[in-house]
Protein backbone atom coordinates (compact mmCIF):
# COMPACT_ATOMS: atom_id res chain seq x y z
CA MET A 1 161.06 -11.95 -109.98
CA ALA A 2 157.40 -12.05 -110.99
CA HIS A 3 156.55 -13.98 -114.13
CA ASP A 4 155.50 -11.80 -117.05
CA PRO A 5 152.54 -13.55 -118.77
CA LEU A 6 153.17 -11.57 -121.96
CA HIS A 7 156.75 -12.73 -122.25
CA THR A 8 157.58 -16.13 -123.69
CA SER A 9 161.01 -17.56 -124.24
CA PRO A 10 162.01 -18.43 -127.78
CA PRO A 11 161.32 -21.98 -128.93
CA GLY A 12 163.88 -24.40 -127.59
CA PRO A 13 165.77 -27.09 -129.52
CA GLU A 14 163.10 -29.69 -128.78
CA GLU A 15 160.46 -27.52 -130.49
CA HIS A 16 162.64 -26.94 -133.54
CA LEU A 17 163.38 -30.66 -133.91
CA ALA A 18 159.87 -32.01 -133.33
CA ASP A 19 157.66 -32.65 -136.34
CA GLU A 20 154.41 -30.74 -136.84
CA ASN A 21 152.16 -33.55 -135.64
CA GLU A 22 154.11 -33.91 -132.41
CA LEU A 23 153.95 -30.14 -131.84
CA LEU A 24 150.20 -30.13 -132.40
CA ARG A 25 149.74 -32.99 -129.91
CA ARG A 26 151.97 -31.24 -127.39
CA PHE A 27 150.06 -27.97 -127.70
CA ALA A 28 146.70 -29.76 -127.36
CA ARG A 29 147.92 -31.16 -124.02
CA SER A 30 149.78 -28.17 -122.59
CA ARG A 31 148.49 -25.06 -124.42
CA ASP A 32 152.10 -23.88 -124.20
CA PRO A 33 152.50 -20.49 -125.98
CA VAL A 34 156.08 -21.40 -126.94
CA VAL A 35 154.84 -24.47 -128.78
CA MET A 36 152.07 -22.37 -130.36
CA GLU A 37 154.68 -19.92 -131.64
CA GLU A 38 156.65 -22.70 -133.31
CA ILE A 39 153.54 -24.19 -134.93
CA VAL A 40 152.54 -20.78 -136.28
CA ARG A 41 156.05 -20.25 -137.66
CA ARG A 42 155.93 -23.56 -139.52
CA PHE A 43 152.48 -23.07 -141.03
CA MET A 44 152.78 -19.38 -141.92
CA PRO A 45 153.82 -20.18 -145.53
CA PHE A 46 150.65 -22.26 -145.87
CA ALA A 47 148.49 -19.41 -144.52
CA ARG A 48 150.26 -16.96 -146.84
CA SER A 49 149.55 -19.17 -149.87
CA LEU A 50 145.83 -19.04 -149.04
CA ALA A 51 145.95 -15.27 -148.58
CA LEU A 52 147.57 -14.81 -152.00
CA ARG A 53 144.45 -16.24 -153.63
CA TYR A 54 142.80 -12.89 -152.90
CA ARG A 55 145.58 -10.59 -154.11
CA GLY A 56 145.06 -8.24 -157.01
CA GLY A 57 142.29 -6.20 -155.42
CA THR A 58 142.40 -3.07 -153.31
CA GLU A 59 143.65 -4.87 -150.18
CA GLN A 60 147.37 -4.90 -149.42
CA VAL A 61 148.95 -8.36 -149.54
CA GLU A 62 150.44 -8.01 -146.07
CA ASP A 63 147.03 -7.12 -144.65
CA LEU A 64 145.63 -10.28 -146.18
CA VAL A 65 148.50 -12.32 -144.77
CA GLN A 66 147.84 -10.89 -141.31
CA VAL A 67 144.18 -11.91 -141.56
CA ALA A 68 145.21 -15.40 -142.73
CA ASN A 69 147.62 -15.73 -139.80
CA LEU A 70 144.78 -14.84 -137.42
CA GLY A 71 142.74 -17.67 -138.94
CA LEU A 72 145.77 -19.96 -138.55
CA VAL A 73 145.99 -19.21 -134.81
CA GLN A 74 142.27 -19.88 -134.42
CA ALA A 75 142.64 -23.20 -136.23
CA ILE A 76 145.55 -24.25 -133.99
CA GLU A 77 143.56 -23.42 -130.86
CA ARG A 78 140.57 -25.48 -132.03
CA PHE A 79 142.44 -28.42 -133.60
CA ASP A 80 142.04 -31.83 -131.94
CA PRO A 81 144.82 -34.23 -133.03
CA MET A 82 142.89 -37.17 -131.61
CA ARG A 83 140.35 -36.95 -134.47
CA GLY A 84 142.99 -38.08 -136.96
CA THR A 85 142.32 -35.20 -139.36
CA ALA A 86 145.25 -33.65 -141.23
CA PHE A 87 145.90 -30.18 -139.81
CA LYS A 88 146.00 -28.43 -143.18
CA SER A 89 142.63 -29.93 -144.14
CA PHE A 90 141.22 -28.64 -140.87
CA ALA A 91 142.88 -25.22 -140.99
CA ALA A 92 142.19 -24.26 -144.60
CA PRO A 93 138.42 -23.62 -144.18
CA THR A 94 139.07 -21.58 -141.03
CA ILE A 95 141.70 -19.42 -142.71
CA LEU A 96 139.63 -18.94 -145.87
CA GLY A 97 136.58 -18.14 -143.75
CA GLU A 98 138.53 -15.44 -141.93
CA LEU A 99 139.62 -13.94 -145.26
CA LYS A 100 136.04 -13.98 -146.57
CA ARG A 101 134.78 -12.29 -143.40
CA HIS A 102 137.47 -9.64 -143.86
CA PHE A 103 136.14 -8.79 -147.31
CA ARG A 104 132.54 -9.07 -146.18
CA ASP A 105 133.06 -6.55 -143.39
CA ARG A 106 134.77 -4.12 -145.77
CA VAL A 107 132.46 -4.61 -148.77
CA TRP A 108 128.79 -4.80 -147.79
CA ASN A 109 126.84 -2.93 -150.45
CA LEU A 110 123.35 -3.85 -149.27
CA ARG A 111 122.50 -3.17 -145.64
CA LEU A 112 120.77 -6.20 -144.15
CA PRO A 113 118.83 -6.33 -140.86
CA ARG A 114 121.18 -6.85 -137.91
CA GLY A 115 119.53 -10.13 -136.95
CA LEU A 116 120.11 -11.49 -140.45
CA GLN A 117 123.72 -10.28 -140.44
CA GLU A 118 124.35 -12.14 -137.17
CA ARG A 119 122.73 -15.28 -138.57
CA ILE A 120 124.99 -15.11 -141.64
CA LEU A 121 128.05 -14.91 -139.37
CA LYS A 122 126.88 -17.94 -137.39
CA VAL A 123 126.27 -19.93 -140.57
CA GLU A 124 129.70 -19.02 -141.99
CA ASN A 125 131.42 -19.98 -138.73
CA ALA A 126 129.52 -23.27 -138.62
CA ILE A 127 130.47 -24.03 -142.24
CA ALA A 128 134.16 -23.51 -141.47
CA GLU A 129 134.00 -25.60 -138.29
CA LEU A 130 131.98 -28.48 -139.73
CA THR A 131 134.05 -28.58 -142.93
CA GLY A 132 137.12 -29.13 -140.80
CA GLU A 133 135.44 -31.81 -138.72
CA LEU A 134 133.68 -33.64 -141.55
CA GLU A 135 136.38 -33.02 -144.19
CA ARG A 136 133.58 -31.98 -146.60
CA PRO A 137 131.09 -29.12 -146.82
CA PRO A 138 128.16 -29.62 -144.42
CA THR A 139 124.60 -30.13 -145.62
CA ILE A 140 121.75 -27.74 -144.86
CA ARG A 141 120.36 -30.24 -142.36
CA GLU A 142 123.71 -30.57 -140.57
CA LEU A 143 124.06 -26.77 -140.35
CA ALA A 144 120.53 -26.46 -138.97
CA ALA A 145 121.18 -29.14 -136.33
CA ASN A 146 124.51 -27.56 -135.35
CA LEU A 147 123.06 -24.06 -134.95
CA GLY A 148 119.67 -25.02 -133.53
CA MET A 149 117.87 -23.39 -136.47
CA ASN A 150 115.36 -24.72 -138.97
CA GLU A 151 116.40 -25.35 -142.55
CA THR A 152 114.39 -22.37 -143.82
CA GLU A 153 116.48 -20.00 -141.67
CA ILE A 154 119.69 -21.52 -143.06
CA LEU A 155 118.46 -21.14 -146.65
CA GLU A 156 117.44 -17.55 -145.97
CA ALA A 157 120.94 -16.82 -144.70
CA PHE A 158 122.44 -18.34 -147.86
CA GLU A 159 120.11 -16.23 -150.03
CA ALA A 160 121.06 -13.06 -148.15
CA LEU A 161 124.72 -14.01 -148.44
CA GLN A 162 124.42 -14.10 -152.23
CA SER A 163 122.29 -10.96 -152.50
CA ARG A 164 124.11 -8.60 -150.18
CA ARG A 165 126.67 -7.50 -152.77
CA THR A 166 125.87 -5.61 -155.95
CA LEU A 167 127.64 -5.76 -159.30
CA SER A 168 128.77 -2.73 -161.24
CA PHE A 169 127.06 -2.35 -164.62
CA ASP A 170 130.54 -1.67 -166.02
CA GLN A 171 131.97 -4.97 -164.81
CA PRO A 172 133.31 -6.88 -167.84
CA VAL A 173 131.83 -10.30 -168.58
CA THR A 174 131.97 -12.83 -171.39
CA VAL A 175 128.70 -13.33 -173.25
CA VAL A 176 127.42 -16.85 -172.59
CA GLY A 177 127.99 -19.21 -175.50
CA THR A 178 130.37 -16.86 -177.30
CA SER A 179 133.82 -15.38 -176.95
CA ASP A 180 132.45 -11.83 -177.14
CA GLU A 181 133.27 -9.44 -174.32
CA GLY A 182 130.65 -7.19 -172.80
CA THR A 183 129.53 -5.69 -169.50
CA VAL A 184 126.91 -6.58 -166.93
CA GLY A 185 124.86 -3.62 -168.15
CA ASP A 186 124.77 -5.07 -171.68
CA GLN A 187 122.92 -8.11 -170.35
CA VAL A 188 120.32 -6.27 -168.30
CA GLY A 189 116.90 -6.05 -169.93
CA SER A 190 115.89 -7.02 -173.46
CA GLU A 191 114.41 -5.35 -176.51
CA ASP A 192 110.63 -5.03 -176.38
CA VAL A 193 109.39 -6.28 -179.74
CA ARG A 194 106.10 -4.43 -179.21
CA TYR A 195 107.75 -1.03 -178.95
CA GLU A 196 107.44 -0.34 -182.68
CA GLY A 197 103.67 -0.74 -182.42
CA VAL A 198 103.21 2.02 -179.84
CA GLU A 199 102.62 4.78 -182.41
CA ASP A 200 100.28 2.57 -184.44
CA ARG A 201 98.28 1.73 -181.33
CA ALA A 202 98.03 5.43 -180.45
CA ALA A 203 96.82 6.26 -183.96
CA VAL A 204 94.15 3.53 -183.83
CA GLU A 205 92.95 4.60 -180.39
CA SER A 206 92.61 8.21 -181.52
CA SER A 207 90.42 7.03 -184.45
CA MET A 208 88.14 4.79 -182.39
CA PRO A 209 85.62 7.55 -181.48
CA GLY A 210 84.68 7.76 -185.19
CA LEU A 211 83.34 4.19 -185.18
CA THR A 212 79.92 2.98 -184.18
CA GLU A 213 79.36 0.94 -181.03
CA ARG A 214 78.72 -2.18 -183.13
CA GLU A 215 81.94 -1.69 -185.10
CA VAL A 216 83.99 -1.26 -181.93
CA LYS A 217 82.43 -4.41 -180.45
CA ALA A 218 83.09 -6.40 -183.63
CA LEU A 219 86.73 -5.28 -183.74
CA ARG A 220 87.24 -6.17 -180.07
CA LEU A 221 85.70 -9.63 -180.52
CA ARG A 222 87.84 -10.29 -183.61
CA PHE A 223 91.24 -8.89 -182.64
CA VAL A 224 91.18 -8.99 -178.83
CA ASP A 225 89.06 -12.04 -178.05
CA ASP A 226 90.21 -13.78 -181.27
CA LEU A 227 86.74 -15.02 -182.25
CA THR A 228 85.84 -16.18 -185.74
CA GLN A 229 83.38 -14.22 -187.89
CA SER A 230 80.73 -16.91 -187.27
CA GLU A 231 81.17 -16.59 -183.49
CA ILE A 232 80.99 -12.80 -183.75
CA ALA A 233 77.78 -13.06 -185.78
CA GLU A 234 76.19 -15.08 -182.96
CA ARG A 235 77.29 -12.50 -180.39
CA ILE A 236 75.99 -9.39 -182.15
CA GLY A 237 72.96 -11.02 -183.82
CA CYS A 238 73.64 -10.80 -187.57
CA SER A 239 74.97 -12.94 -190.42
CA GLN A 240 78.62 -13.81 -191.01
CA VAL A 241 78.54 -11.85 -194.28
CA HIS A 242 77.35 -8.78 -192.43
CA VAL A 243 80.13 -9.19 -189.84
CA SER A 244 82.64 -9.28 -192.70
CA ARG A 245 81.25 -5.99 -194.06
CA ILE A 246 81.34 -4.38 -190.57
CA LEU A 247 84.95 -5.37 -190.03
CA ARG A 248 86.05 -4.32 -193.53
CA GLY A 249 84.34 -0.94 -193.25
CA ALA A 250 85.66 -0.27 -189.74
CA LEU A 251 89.23 -1.14 -190.72
CA GLN A 252 89.01 1.03 -193.80
CA ARG A 253 87.94 4.08 -191.77
CA LEU A 254 90.69 3.43 -189.24
CA ARG A 255 93.28 3.36 -192.04
CA GLU A 256 91.95 6.56 -193.57
CA SER A 257 91.91 8.28 -190.19
CA ALA A 258 95.45 7.14 -189.32
CA ASN A 259 96.82 8.21 -192.73
CA ALA A 260 95.22 11.61 -192.31
CA GLU A 261 97.22 12.26 -189.08
CA PRO A 262 99.98 14.88 -189.62
CA GLU A 263 103.55 13.67 -189.74
CA LEU A 264 105.45 14.02 -186.49
């Protein structure tokens, strides 16, 4: 009878009795699907515990567990027992990376150029792989060397990774430095302290045509250029006393003109 490649016999007694490290070494040598099945069975609770970190959202728990199990299988296939790394330390970044990709593919608020999307995927895959190999997060330089990119391209991918999702203005947050609750929208923008002066500025501008050219120049030099009366006197060719009279008279007419405007 022809062998069915899709059919595998259940794990035998030797698989059930062997410890995890022995099973991992055996699978690395033989790639036996029966051994793979037993390894997956033993580490499924570990994968599930990682998936449960993401519960509480819109995704069903069992869907998350399925994604985590897929990451577990990928980790088993790539694991090299000869490196001396603990399997869980190697597998955790791969499983978490698969869960993050699951959410990324479902929640991508900002559409990025396809080339940049592909670069982000490569960087995320490299992070998961190198974290397992190095037993620590890789540096920018190590990622660039691994992917054959320059460091600027890696940094751009990180920036896009952070910017591709948007926050709701209604999302609750805690105000920094206090225990007060608020929303993202409450922290956007700030009060313009010059807003109250808009009407006054409009009233002054409407009164400017009633002043002489010298008065307008003196006011600009004093209140825009912040010159002293002595400096203004040198500019317009008169004494400091005369500058004082010009400014006082101009301001007086501006006040009278502004006060004469009808109430809104």
